[in-house]
Amino acid sequence: MVTILGFIIGILGLVATLVGLYFTYISFVNPITRFKKYLKNPKDWQKFKGTEMHLSIYRHKKYPNFQIIIDWDRPVVENYQEKWIRDYPDKENNASYYVRLEANAMLLEKELFVLLDGGRAFIPSPRWSLENNEQVYRYDTIQIQLANIIGEYSWEKDIYKFASQQKKPILIEK
């Protein structure tokens, strides 16, 4: 009887230790690492209707303290023009905005997105580098993941199609 009771207490102690380790992991692991993990599945994110109409907020369904925020009142550049952008019907109303990645209301990272074609397309601004004295544009993994969550495409169906249809094609890093 005593050995069975000791065995049960030992098992309960092991379970409590594992639960404690799990809570420690989700509480103290680098929030940027966790954010990048959560970005992998766009279905885990939902648009949140807040009280401030100029903000678009997307939050993780299971961990709502992880949020993607767009402040439409703060454009970075109005009348945004770049060599890679194809000719859209509305060329005059382009703008760029920072998309903020926040955890517990703390800014972790920000990514530049571009509003094109009078608001019909909202996509990441590609990164560029010089290769053989020519500008090469590319999207990295985080940009693709964000585009799958918050991106809008006027004429194309997804970020891959959008990237291939521009004046200068945008490479996609894997």
C-alpha atoms as a PDB file:
ATOM      1  CA  MET A   1       0.000   0.000   0.000  1.00  0.00           C
ATOM      2  CA  VAL A   2       2.799   2.424   0.893  1.00  0.00           C
ATOM      3  CA  THR A   3       4.718   1.648  -2.318  1.00  0.00           C
ATOM      4  CA  ILE A   4       1.610   2.222  -4.463  1.00  0.00           C
ATOM      5  CA  LEU A   5       0.992   5.553  -2.742  1.00  0.00           C
ATOM      6  CA  GLY A   6       4.661   6.513  -3.239  1.00  0.00           C
ATOM      7  CA  PHE A   7       4.449   5.522  -6.898  1.00  0.00           C
ATOM      8  CA  ILE A   8       1.300   7.649  -7.431  1.00  0.00           C
ATOM      9  CA  ILE A   9       2.912  10.646  -5.696  1.00  0.00           C
ATOM     10  CA  GLY A  10       6.024  10.190  -7.861  1.00  0.00           C
ATOM     11  CA  ILE A  11       3.947  10.125 -11.067  1.00  0.00           C
ATOM     12  CA  LEU A  12       2.010  13.233  -9.966  1.00  0.00           C
ATOM     13  CA  GLY A  13       5.324  14.970  -9.235  1.00  0.00           C
ATOM     14  CA  LEU A  14       6.605  14.073 -12.706  1.00  0.00           C
ATOM     15  CA  VAL A  15       3.416  15.389 -14.339  1.00  0.00           C
ATOM     16  CA  ALA A  16       3.631  18.619 -12.303  1.00  0.00           C
ATOM     17  CA  THR A  17       7.268  19.047 -13.362  1.00  0.00           C
ATOM     18  CA  LEU A  18       6.389  18.575 -17.039  1.00  0.00           C
ATOM     19  CA  VAL A  19       3.504  21.052 -16.787  1.00  0.00           C
ATOM     20  CA  GLY A  20       5.817  23.539 -15.059  1.00  0.00           C
ATOM     21  CA  LEU A  21       8.427  23.112 -17.802  1.00  0.00           C
ATOM     22  CA  TYR A  22       5.778  23.753 -20.455  1.00  0.00           C
ATOM     23  CA  PHE A  23       4.610  26.969 -18.771  1.00  0.00           C
ATOM     24  CA  THR A  24       8.213  28.080 -18.341  1.00  0.00           C
ATOM     25  CA  TYR A  25       8.873  27.431 -22.027  1.00  0.00           C
ATOM     26  CA  ILE A  26       5.856  29.399 -23.276  1.00  0.00           C
ATOM     27  CA  SER A  27       6.584  32.243 -20.846  1.00  0.00           C
ATOM     28  CA  PHE A  28      10.320  32.764 -21.230  1.00  0.00           C
ATOM     29  CA  VAL A  29      11.404  31.604 -24.671  1.00  0.00           C
ATOM     30  CA  ASN A  30      12.421  34.494 -26.904  1.00  0.00           C
ATOM     31  CA  PRO A  31       9.151  36.105 -28.082  1.00  0.00           C
ATOM     32  CA  ILE A  32      10.564  36.743 -31.577  1.00  0.00           C
ATOM     33  CA  THR A  33      11.264  33.013 -31.934  1.00  0.00           C
ATOM     34  CA  ARG A  34       7.730  32.232 -30.799  1.00  0.00           C
ATOM     35  CA  PHE A  35       6.263  34.863 -33.155  1.00  0.00           C
ATOM     36  CA  LYS A  36       8.103  33.358 -36.129  1.00  0.00           C
ATOM     37  CA  LYS A  37       6.738  29.948 -35.165  1.00  0.00           C
ATOM     38  CA  TYR A  38       3.174  31.288 -34.959  1.00  0.00           C
ATOM     39  CA  LEU A  39       3.422  32.995 -38.371  1.00  0.00           C
ATOM     40  CA  LYS A  40       3.791  29.621 -40.101  1.00  0.00           C
ATOM     41  CA  ASN A  41       0.054  28.865 -40.024  1.00  0.00           C
ATOM     42  CA  PRO A  42      -2.113  31.716 -41.380  1.00  0.00           C
ATOM     43  CA  LYS A  43      -5.299  29.981 -40.193  1.00  0.00           C
ATOM     44  CA  ASP A  44      -4.204  30.563 -36.580  1.00  0.00           C
ATOM     45  CA  TRP A  45      -4.668  34.330 -37.013  1.00  0.00           C
ATOM     46  CA  GLN A  46      -7.873  36.339 -36.898  1.00  0.00           C
ATOM     47  CA  LYS A  47      -8.716  39.950 -37.605  1.00  0.00           C
ATOM     48  CA  PHE A  48      -9.715  41.777 -34.450  1.00  0.00           C
ATOM     49  CA  LYS A  49     -12.193  44.640 -34.583  1.00  0.00           C
ATOM     50  CA  GLY A  50     -10.902  47.149 -32.071  1.00  0.00           C
ATOM     51  CA  THR A  51     -12.156  50.562 -31.067  1.00  0.00           C
ATOM     52  CA  GLU A  52      -9.654  52.554 -33.126  1.00  0.00           C
ATOM     53  CA  MET A  53     -10.809  52.565 -36.731  1.00  0.00           C
ATOM     54  CA  HIS A  54      -7.403  53.554 -38.133  1.00  0.00           C
ATOM     55  CA  LEU A  55      -5.787  50.351 -36.832  1.00  0.00           C
ATOM     56  CA  SER A  56      -6.012  46.913 -38.386  1.00  0.00           C
ATOM     57  CA  ILE A  57      -5.165  44.299 -35.790  1.00  0.00           C
ATOM     58  CA  TYR A  58      -4.601  40.610 -36.407  1.00  0.00           C
ATOM     59  CA  ARG A  59      -4.068  38.414 -33.395  1.00  0.00           C
ATOM     60  CA  HIS A  60      -3.136  34.835 -32.811  1.00  0.00           C
ATOM     61  CA  LYS A  61      -6.187  32.777 -31.852  1.00  0.00           C
ATOM     62  CA  LYS A  62      -4.507  30.752 -29.098  1.00  0.00           C
ATOM     63  CA  TYR A  63      -2.095  33.452 -27.874  1.00  0.00           C
ATOM     64  CA  PRO A  64      -3.892  36.792 -28.433  1.00  0.00           C
ATOM     65  CA  ASN A  65      -1.034  38.772 -26.907  1.00  0.00           C
ATOM     66  CA  PHE A  66       0.810  38.151 -30.223  1.00  0.00           C
ATOM     67  CA  GLN A  67      -0.504  40.751 -32.654  1.00  0.00           C
ATOM     68  CA  ILE A  68       0.150  42.138 -36.122  1.00  0.00           C
ATOM     69  CA  ILE A  69      -0.812  45.816 -36.286  1.00  0.00           C
ATOM     70  CA  ILE A  70      -1.164  48.236 -39.205  1.00  0.00           C
ATOM     71  CA  ASP A  71      -1.662  51.953 -38.456  1.00  0.00           C
ATOM     72  CA  TRP A  72      -3.364  53.434 -41.525  1.00  0.00           C
ATOM     73  CA  ASP A  73      -2.926  56.983 -40.162  1.00  0.00           C
ATOM     74  CA  ARG A  74       0.875  56.721 -40.392  1.00  0.00           C
ATOM     75  CA  PRO A  75       2.082  56.158 -43.945  1.00  0.00           C
ATOM     76  CA  VAL A  76       5.858  55.926 -44.292  1.00  0.00           C
ATOM     77  CA  VAL A  77       5.877  57.203 -47.892  1.00  0.00           C
ATOM     78  CA  GLU A  78       2.916  58.513 -49.869  1.00  0.00           C
ATOM     79  CA  ASN A  79       2.918  58.224 -53.675  1.00  0.00           C
ATOM     80  CA  TYR A  80       5.265  55.232 -53.341  1.00  0.00           C
ATOM     81  CA  GLN A  81       7.073  54.349 -56.577  1.00  0.00           C
ATOM     82  CA  GLU A  82       9.672  51.645 -57.232  1.00  0.00           C
ATOM     83  CA  LYS A  83      11.221  50.083 -60.347  1.00  0.00           C
ATOM     84  CA  TRP A  84       9.746  46.677 -59.624  1.00  0.00           C
ATOM     85  CA  ILE A  85       6.075  47.777 -59.545  1.00  0.00           C
ATOM     86  CA  ARG A  86       4.121  47.030 -62.693  1.00  0.00           C
ATOM     87  CA  ASP A  87       1.733  49.607 -64.134  1.00  0.00           C
ATOM     88  CA  TYR A  88      -1.530  49.408 -62.239  1.00  0.00           C
ATOM     89  CA  PRO A  89      -4.633  51.404 -63.230  1.00  0.00           C
ATOM     90  CA  ASP A  90      -4.276  53.652 -60.155  1.00  0.00           C
ATOM     91  CA  LYS A  91      -0.609  54.716 -59.975  1.00  0.00           C
ATOM     92  CA  GLU A  92      -1.119  57.876 -57.927  1.00  0.00           C
ATOM     93  CA  ASN A  93      -2.460  56.437 -54.674  1.00  0.00           C
ATOM     94  CA  ASN A  94       0.354  54.135 -53.588  1.00  0.00           C
ATOM     95  CA  ALA A  95       1.738  54.329 -50.054  1.00  0.00           C
ATOM     96  CA  SER A  96       3.908  52.314 -47.707  1.00  0.00           C
ATOM     97  CA  TYR A  97       3.148  51.386 -44.097  1.00  0.00           C
ATOM     98  CA  TYR A  98       4.948  49.624 -41.311  1.00  0.00           C
ATOM     99  CA  VAL A  99       3.369  46.389 -40.160  1.00  0.00           C
ATOM    100  CA  ARG A 100       4.260  45.940 -36.494  1.00  0.00           C
ATOM    101  CA  LEU A 101       4.785  42.566 -34.868  1.00  0.00           C
ATOM    102  CA  GLU A 102       3.984  42.932 -31.175  1.00  0.00           C
ATOM    103  CA  ALA A 103       3.874  40.640 -28.159  1.00  0.00           C
ATOM    104  CA  ASN A 104       2.373  41.943 -24.919  1.00  0.00           C
ATOM    105  CA  ALA A 105       2.198  45.419 -26.550  1.00  0.00           C
ATOM    106  CA  MET A 106       5.977  45.363 -27.042  1.00  0.00           C
ATOM    107  CA  LEU A 107       7.331  45.987 -30.543  1.00  0.00           C
ATOM    108  CA  LEU A 108       9.388  42.997 -31.661  1.00  0.00           C
ATOM    109  CA  GLU A 109       9.871  43.735 -35.354  1.00  0.00           C
ATOM    110  CA  LYS A 110       8.367  45.777 -38.125  1.00  0.00           C
ATOM    111  CA  GLU A 111       8.034  45.045 -41.811  1.00  0.00           C
ATOM    112  CA  LEU A 112       7.438  47.528 -44.623  1.00  0.00           C
ATOM    113  CA  PHE A 113       4.301  46.821 -46.675  1.00  0.00           C
ATOM    114  CA  VAL A 114       3.067  48.662 -49.745  1.00  0.00           C
ATOM    115  CA  LEU A 115      -0.490  49.671 -50.598  1.00  0.00           C
ATOM    116  CA  LEU A 116      -0.821  49.636 -54.402  1.00  0.00           C
ATOM    117  CA  ASP A 117      -3.456  50.256 -57.040  1.00  0.00           C
ATOM    118  CA  GLY A 118      -5.585  52.570 -54.928  1.00  0.00           C
ATOM    119  CA  GLY A 119      -5.743  50.126 -52.028  1.00  0.00           C
ATOM    120  CA  ARG A 120      -6.499  46.964 -53.998  1.00  0.00           C
ATOM    121  CA  ALA A 121      -3.156  45.372 -53.177  1.00  0.00           C
ATOM    122  CA  PHE A 122      -1.332  45.314 -49.837  1.00  0.00           C
ATOM    123  CA  ILE A 123       1.934  43.417 -50.080  1.00  0.00           C
ATOM    124  CA  PRO A 124       5.401  43.399 -48.505  1.00  0.00           C
ATOM    125  CA  SER A 125       7.974  45.700 -50.023  1.00  0.00           C
ATOM    126  CA  PRO A 126      10.647  43.348 -51.365  1.00  0.00           C
ATOM    127  CA  ARG A 127      14.218  43.473 -50.136  1.00  0.00           C
ATOM    128  CA  TRP A 128      16.831  44.132 -52.771  1.00  0.00           C
ATOM    129  CA  SER A 129      20.499  43.531 -53.348  1.00  0.00           C
ATOM    130  CA  LEU A 130      22.995  44.175 -56.120  1.00  0.00           C
ATOM    131  CA  GLU A 131      24.038  41.155 -58.140  1.00  0.00           C
ATOM    132  CA  ASN A 132      26.198  41.725 -61.230  1.00  0.00           C
ATOM    133  CA  ASN A 133      25.471  45.480 -60.984  1.00  0.00           C
ATOM    134  CA  GLU A 134      21.735  44.844 -61.224  1.00  0.00           C
ATOM    135  CA  GLN A 135      19.086  45.180 -58.535  1.00  0.00           C
ATOM    136  CA  VAL A 136      17.542  41.851 -57.584  1.00  0.00           C
ATOM    137  CA  TYR A 137      14.330  41.879 -55.560  1.00  0.00           C
ATOM    138  CA  ARG A 138      13.311  39.090 -53.190  1.00  0.00           C
ATOM    139  CA  TYR A 139      10.882  38.119 -50.467  1.00  0.00           C
ATOM    140  CA  ASP A 140      12.115  36.260 -47.413  1.00  0.00           C
ATOM    141  CA  THR A 141      10.178  33.724 -45.354  1.00  0.00           C
ATOM    142  CA  ILE A 142       8.700  36.191 -42.840  1.00  0.00           C
ATOM    143  CA  GLN A 143       7.449  38.471 -45.616  1.00  0.00           C
ATOM    144  CA  ILE A 144       5.713  35.543 -47.321  1.00  0.00           C
ATOM    145  CA  GLN A 145       4.168  34.379 -44.044  1.00  0.00           C
ATOM    146  CA  LEU A 146       2.899  37.889 -43.254  1.00  0.00           C
ATOM    147  CA  ALA A 147       1.538  38.245 -46.793  1.00  0.00           C
ATOM    148  CA  ASN A 148      -0.385  34.987 -46.311  1.00  0.00           C
ATOM    149  CA  ILE A 149      -2.018  36.446 -43.183  1.00  0.00           C
ATOM    150  CA  ILE A 150      -2.642  40.125 -44.025  1.00  0.00           C
ATOM    151  CA  GLY A 151      -1.855  40.451 -47.737  1.00  0.00           C
ATOM    152  CA  GLU A 152      -4.344  41.585 -50.367  1.00  0.00           C
ATOM    153  CA  TYR A 153      -3.933  41.128 -54.111  1.00  0.00           C
ATOM    154  CA  SER A 154      -5.913  43.128 -56.635  1.00  0.00           C
ATOM    155  CA  TRP A 155      -5.472  41.002 -59.722  1.00  0.00           C
ATOM    156  CA  GLU A 156      -3.385  38.053 -58.549  1.00  0.00           C
ATOM    157  CA  LYS A 157      -4.563  35.265 -56.294  1.00  0.00           C
ATOM    158  CA  ASP A 158      -1.555  35.010 -53.956  1.00  0.00           C
ATOM    159  CA  ILE A 159       1.896  36.428 -53.181  1.00  0.00           C
ATOM    160  CA  TYR A 160       3.637  33.969 -55.515  1.00  0.00           C
ATOM    161  CA  LYS A 161       1.557  35.040 -58.511  1.00  0.00           C
ATOM    162  CA  PHE A 162       1.951  38.688 -57.515  1.00  0.00           C
ATOM    163  CA  ALA A 163       5.762  38.352 -57.319  1.00  0.00           C
ATOM    164  CA  SER A 164       5.980  36.841 -60.800  1.00  0.00           C
ATOM    165  CA  GLN A 165       3.738  39.484 -62.431  1.00  0.00           C
ATOM    166  CA  GLN A 166       5.755  42.621 -61.592  1.00  0.00           C
ATOM    167  CA  LYS A 167       7.989  44.670 -63.933  1.00  0.00           C
ATOM    168  CA  LYS A 168      11.002  43.081 -62.312  1.00  0.00           C
ATOM    169  CA  PRO A 169      10.136  39.615 -60.979  1.00  0.00           C
ATOM    170  CA  ILE A 170      10.561  39.168 -57.253  1.00  0.00           C
ATOM    171  CA  LEU A 171      12.447  36.063 -56.155  1.00  0.00           C
ATOM    172  CA  ILE A 172      11.096  34.068 -53.231  1.00  0.00           C
ATOM    173  CA  GLU A 173      13.577  32.672 -50.721  1.00  0.00           C
ATOM    174  CA  LYS A 174      12.725  29.399 -49.069  1.00  0.00           C
END
